[in-house]
Protein backbone atom coordinates (compact mmCIF):
# COMPACT_ATOMS: atom_id res chain seq x y z
CA UNK A 1 -5.18 5.53 -22.79
CA UNK A 2 -6.64 8.13 -25.11
CA UNK A 3 -9.75 10.23 -24.67
CA UNK A 4 -12.35 12.15 -26.64
CA UNK A 5 -14.22 14.83 -24.70
CA UNK A 6 -17.48 16.67 -25.27
CA UNK A 7 -20.01 18.74 -23.34
CA UNK A 8 -23.37 20.44 -23.90
CA UNK A 9 -25.53 22.76 -21.82
CA UNK A 10 -28.93 24.38 -22.25
CA UNK A 11 -30.79 26.95 -20.17
CA UNK A 12 -33.97 24.89 -20.62
CA UNK A 13 -37.57 25.95 -21.16
CA UNK A 14 -38.28 27.79 -17.90
CA UNK A 15 -35.29 29.61 -16.38
CA UNK A 16 -33.86 32.92 -17.55
CA UNK A 17 -30.27 32.09 -16.64
CA UNK A 18 -28.12 28.98 -16.78
CA UNK A 19 -26.70 28.36 -13.32
CA UNK A 20 -24.83 25.20 -14.36
CA UNK A 21 -21.07 25.52 -14.92
CA UNK A 22 -18.67 22.92 -16.26
CA UNK A 23 -15.08 22.28 -17.29
CA UNK A 24 -13.55 19.33 -19.14
CA UNK A 25 -10.01 19.13 -20.45
CA UNK A 26 -7.41 16.57 -21.47
CA UNK A 27 -4.21 17.15 -19.49
CA UNK A 28 -0.71 15.95 -20.41
CA UNK A 29 1.23 14.92 -17.31
CA UNK A 30 4.38 13.02 -16.39
CA UNK A 31 2.09 10.01 -15.84
CA UNK A 32 0.48 10.28 -19.27
CA UNK A 33 -2.76 11.78 -20.51
CA UNK A 34 -5.56 12.43 -18.03
CA UNK A 35 -8.96 14.11 -18.15
CA UNK A 36 -10.29 16.47 -15.50
CA UNK A 37 -14.04 17.13 -15.66
CA UNK A 38 -16.07 19.21 -13.21
CA UNK A 39 -19.80 19.94 -13.23
CA UNK A 40 -21.52 22.30 -10.78
CA UNK A 41 -25.23 23.13 -10.49
CA UNK A 42 -25.63 26.47 -8.77
CA UNK A 43 -28.54 27.86 -6.82
CA UNK A 44 -29.28 31.27 -5.34
CA UNK A 45 -31.21 34.48 -5.75
CA UNK A 46 -30.19 37.45 -7.91
CA UNK A 47 -28.59 35.03 -10.41
CA UNK A 48 -25.89 34.29 -7.83
CA UNK A 49 -26.18 30.56 -8.41
CA UNK A 50 -24.10 30.90 -11.55
CA UNK A 51 -21.47 32.82 -9.58
CA UNK A 52 -21.29 30.00 -7.03
CA UNK A 53 -20.98 27.26 -9.65
CA UNK A 54 -18.49 29.15 -11.83
CA UNK A 55 -16.25 30.03 -8.89
CA UNK A 56 -15.91 26.37 -7.88
CA UNK A 57 -15.26 25.25 -11.46
CA UNK A 58 -12.54 27.92 -11.66
CA UNK A 59 -11.01 26.60 -8.44
CA UNK A 60 -10.59 23.14 -9.99
CA UNK A 61 -9.12 24.65 -13.15
CA UNK A 62 -6.58 26.45 -10.97
CA UNK A 63 -5.81 23.20 -9.14
CA UNK A 64 -5.19 21.46 -12.48
CA UNK A 65 -2.77 24.20 -13.55
CA UNK A 66 -0.92 24.69 -10.29
CA UNK A 67 -1.16 21.48 -8.25
CA UNK A 68 -1.74 18.54 -10.58
CA UNK A 69 1.68 18.71 -12.32
CA UNK A 70 3.48 18.45 -8.99
CA UNK A 71 1.19 15.66 -7.85
CA UNK A 72 2.05 13.71 -11.01
CA UNK A 73 5.80 13.98 -10.41
CA UNK A 74 5.45 10.73 -8.48
CA UNK A 75 2.71 8.12 -8.04
CA UNK A 76 -0.23 9.50 -6.07
CA UNK A 77 -2.93 7.78 -4.05
CA UNK A 78 -6.67 8.05 -3.49
CA UNK A 79 -5.86 9.79 -0.21
CA UNK A 80 -3.85 12.49 -2.03
CA UNK A 81 -6.85 13.39 -4.20
CA UNK A 82 -9.23 13.17 -1.26
CA UNK A 83 -7.06 15.57 0.75
CA UNK A 84 -6.60 18.12 -2.05
CA UNK A 85 -10.24 18.20 -3.14
CA UNK A 86 -11.62 18.24 0.40
CA UNK A 87 -9.54 21.38 0.97
CA UNK A 88 -11.07 22.99 -2.13
CA UNK A 89 -14.59 22.07 -0.98
CA UNK A 90 -14.03 23.50 2.51
CA UNK A 91 -12.37 26.68 1.21
CA UNK A 92 -15.14 27.43 -1.27
CA UNK A 93 -17.89 26.53 1.16
CA UNK A 94 -16.63 29.45 3.24
CA UNK A 95 -15.92 31.78 0.31
CA UNK A 96 -19.31 31.30 -1.35
CA UNK A 97 -21.13 31.62 1.97
CA UNK A 98 -19.36 34.89 2.79
CA UNK A 99 -19.92 36.25 -0.72
CA UNK A 100 -23.64 35.52 -0.42
CA UNK A 101 -23.84 37.30 2.93
CA UNK A 102 -22.47 40.42 1.24
CA UNK A 103 -25.48 40.42 -1.09
CA UNK A 104 -27.96 39.18 1.54
CA UNK A 105 -28.70 36.06 -0.51
CA UNK A 106 -28.34 32.36 0.17
CA UNK A 107 -26.31 30.70 -2.57
CA UNK A 108 -24.54 27.44 -3.16
CA UNK A 109 -23.58 24.79 -5.66
CA UNK A 110 -23.41 21.06 -6.10
CA UNK A 111 -20.23 19.57 -7.55
CA UNK A 112 -19.14 16.37 -9.23
CA UNK A 113 -15.45 16.29 -10.10
CA UNK A 114 -13.79 13.47 -12.04
CA UNK A 115 -10.09 12.84 -12.65
CA UNK A 116 -9.67 10.08 -15.19
CA UNK A 117 -6.30 8.36 -15.69
CA UNK A 118 -5.33 5.32 -17.73
CA UNK A 119 -5.56 3.15 -14.62
CA UNK A 120 -7.98 4.74 -12.20
CA UNK A 121 -10.81 7.22 -11.76
CA UNK A 122 -11.17 9.62 -8.85
CA UNK A 123 -14.54 11.25 -8.11
CA UNK A 124 -15.73 13.79 -5.55
CA UNK A 125 -19.44 14.49 -5.11
CA UNK A 126 -21.49 16.98 -3.12
CA UNK A 127 -25.21 17.26 -3.86
CA UNK A 128 -27.10 15.61 -6.71
CA UNK A 129 -25.03 16.07 -9.83
CA UNK A 130 -23.93 12.62 -10.95
CA UNK A 131 -21.18 10.58 -12.59
CA UNK A 132 -21.87 7.47 -14.66
CA UNK A 133 -19.78 4.81 -16.39
CA UNK A 134 -21.27 3.36 -19.56
CA UNK A 135 -19.95 0.15 -21.11
CA UNK A 136 -22.12 -2.91 -21.47
CA UNK A 137 -24.52 -1.26 -19.03
CA UNK A 138 -25.15 2.09 -17.35
CA UNK A 139 -23.44 2.23 -13.95
CA UNK A 140 -24.08 5.07 -11.51
CA UNK A 141 -20.79 5.91 -9.78
CA UNK A 142 -21.99 8.56 -7.32
CA UNK A 143 -24.69 8.71 -4.65
CA UNK A 144 -27.16 11.60 -4.45
CA UNK A 145 -27.03 13.64 -1.26
CA UNK A 146 -30.76 14.38 -1.19
CA UNK A 147 -33.64 13.85 1.21
CA UNK A 148 -35.31 11.27 -1.03
CA UNK A 149 -32.07 9.36 -1.69
CA UNK A 150 -31.58 9.04 2.06
CA UNK A 151 -35.16 7.84 2.50
CA UNK A 152 -34.70 5.24 -0.24
CA UNK A 153 -31.57 4.06 1.53
CA UNK A 154 -33.49 3.83 4.81
CA UNK A 155 -36.34 1.92 3.15
CA UNK A 156 -38.90 4.72 3.67
CA UNK A 157 -39.37 5.25 -0.08
CA UNK A 158 -39.02 2.96 -3.08
CA UNK A 159 -36.98 3.99 -6.14
CA UNK A 160 -40.22 4.52 -8.08
CA UNK A 161 -41.74 6.68 -5.35
CA UNK A 162 -38.56 8.77 -5.19
CA UNK A 163 -38.81 9.65 -8.89
CA UNK A 164 -42.05 11.58 -8.39
CA UNK A 165 -41.52 12.81 -4.83
CA UNK A 166 -41.83 16.61 -4.59
CA UNK A 167 -38.66 16.72 -2.46
CA UNK A 168 -36.46 14.97 -5.03
CA UNK A 169 -34.26 18.06 -5.47
CA UNK A 170 -33.97 18.95 -1.77
CA UNK A 171 -30.29 18.64 -0.93
CA UNK A 172 -28.77 17.42 2.32
CA UNK A 173 -25.76 19.63 1.68
CA UNK A 174 -24.18 21.84 -0.95
CA UNK A 175 -21.07 23.98 -1.15
CA UNK A 176 -21.78 27.50 0.09
CA UNK A 177 -25.02 26.83 1.98
CA UNK A 178 -23.93 24.21 4.53
CA UNK A 179 -22.34 24.94 7.88
CA UNK A 180 -19.78 22.23 7.18
CA UNK A 181 -19.42 20.26 3.96
CA UNK A 182 -18.60 16.55 3.79
CA UNK A 183 -17.74 15.44 0.23
CA UNK A 184 -18.11 11.81 -0.75
CA UNK A 185 -15.39 10.12 -2.80
CA UNK A 186 -15.55 7.22 -5.21
CA UNK A 187 -12.59 5.41 -6.78
CA UNK A 188 -12.24 2.61 -9.28
CA UNK A 189 -10.47 1.16 -12.31
CA UNK A 190 -10.88 3.06 -15.57
CA UNK A 191 -12.90 1.26 -18.22
CA UNK A 192 -11.20 1.18 -21.62
CA UNK A 193 -13.55 1.58 -24.61
CA UNK A 194 -16.12 3.11 -22.32
CA UNK A 195 -17.93 6.39 -21.74
CA UNK A 196 -17.88 8.48 -18.57
CA UNK A 197 -20.68 10.98 -18.10
CA UNK A 198 -21.28 13.83 -15.67
CA UNK A 199 -24.73 15.42 -15.60
CA UNK A 200 -26.80 17.92 -13.68
CA UNK A 201 -30.10 16.72 -12.26
CA UNK A 202 -31.94 18.55 -15.03
CA UNK A 203 -30.45 16.15 -17.55
CA UNK A 204 -31.74 12.93 -15.97
CA UNK A 205 -35.19 13.53 -14.52
CA UNK A 206 -37.19 13.06 -17.72
CA UNK A 207 -35.17 10.37 -19.49
CA UNK A 208 -34.50 6.74 -18.64
CA UNK A 209 -31.27 4.81 -18.16
CA UNK A 210 -32.24 2.81 -21.26
CA UNK A 211 -32.35 6.01 -23.31
CA UNK A 212 -29.00 7.10 -21.89
CA UNK A 213 -27.53 3.70 -22.74
CA UNK A 214 -28.83 3.78 -26.31
CA UNK A 215 -27.46 7.29 -26.94
CA UNK A 216 -24.16 7.01 -25.06
CA UNK A 217 -23.19 3.39 -25.65
CA UNK A 218 -19.48 3.41 -26.62
CA UNK A 219 -20.38 2.20 -30.14
CA UNK A 220 -22.44 5.36 -30.62
CA UNK A 221 -19.74 7.68 -29.28
CA UNK A 222 -16.87 7.13 -31.71
CA UNK A 223 -15.89 10.77 -32.26
CA UNK A 224 -16.58 14.25 -30.89
CA UNK A 225 -19.23 14.98 -33.53
CA UNK A 226 -21.25 11.86 -32.62
CA UNK A 227 -20.87 12.63 -28.93
CA UNK A 228 -22.11 16.21 -29.29
CA UNK A 229 -25.02 15.11 -31.50
CA UNK A 230 -26.15 12.46 -29.00
CA UNK A 231 -25.88 14.93 -26.13
CA UNK A 232 -28.07 17.34 -28.08
CA UNK A 233 -30.69 14.67 -28.79
CA UNK A 234 -31.08 13.84 -25.10
CA UNK A 235 -31.19 17.51 -24.11
CA UNK A 236 -33.96 18.12 -26.65
CA UNK A 237 -35.81 15.04 -25.40
CA UNK A 238 -35.69 16.43 -21.87
CA UNK A 239 -37.10 19.75 -23.08
CA UNK A 240 -39.88 18.02 -25.05
CA UNK A 241 -40.84 16.26 -21.82
CA UNK A 242 -41.04 19.63 -20.05
CA UNK A 243 -37.91 19.49 -17.89
CA UNK A 244 -37.87 22.90 -16.18
CA UNK A 245 -34.28 23.02 -14.92
CA UNK A 246 -31.01 23.89 -16.67
CA UNK A 247 -29.63 20.85 -18.51
CA UNK A 248 -25.92 20.01 -18.71
CA UNK A 249 -23.97 16.88 -19.66
CA UNK A 250 -20.26 16.13 -20.05
CA UNK A 251 -19.04 12.96 -21.79
CA UNK A 252 -15.61 11.35 -22.06
CA UNK A 253 -14.89 8.43 -24.40
CA UNK A 254 -11.92 6.22 -23.49
CA UNK A 255 -10.07 4.07 -26.00
């Protein structure tokens, strides 16, 4: 399996700082090429949200350098990834919380992490950043950990009501602001000739799945230049529709 990677971020039309952080890299391992992508949406006063998000992204970069090569020395399982990434989430929940206490601010970050191999994908999610798979349709791979998502699941709200609910960005948990953090994991077979996308919530509020499909359909994502251009078009569309949050998207084309 081969990959083309791209990413774009924008501070948006309202905020002074960009508290989103991301990392995407192709990695050569003993088990072949892989892609590690991480997207974190930080929150906190005194611009500390960007510190929270960047610190967690850096932790995954360190894991890729120091732990992934050893993990790839032999076949690994879903449980191996779950164990390693749960440890990172717990460690940085404590570190970010303690750092915030030192500045008397509450701070935290969402995270969606994706390891993509030729056979399988591995995803960890905390909060409301998302991962999608785009082939013949747009498939949401993660589940938002928000108040409205829970109420939709319980049948209290419809999907349409949730889109305009004032609590749509209220998180059930995030790393650094929760007493304990419980990441969710999602695993599946990698789609060849497909697109994988990570995005912050600012990227998806003002655009439809149909617009995402049209821009990011594999046929429209044949090289890095096309990928970056299509990312930019959707970011600008979000801004035209008055999205107020930071806007970040990461895309990976498999072939």
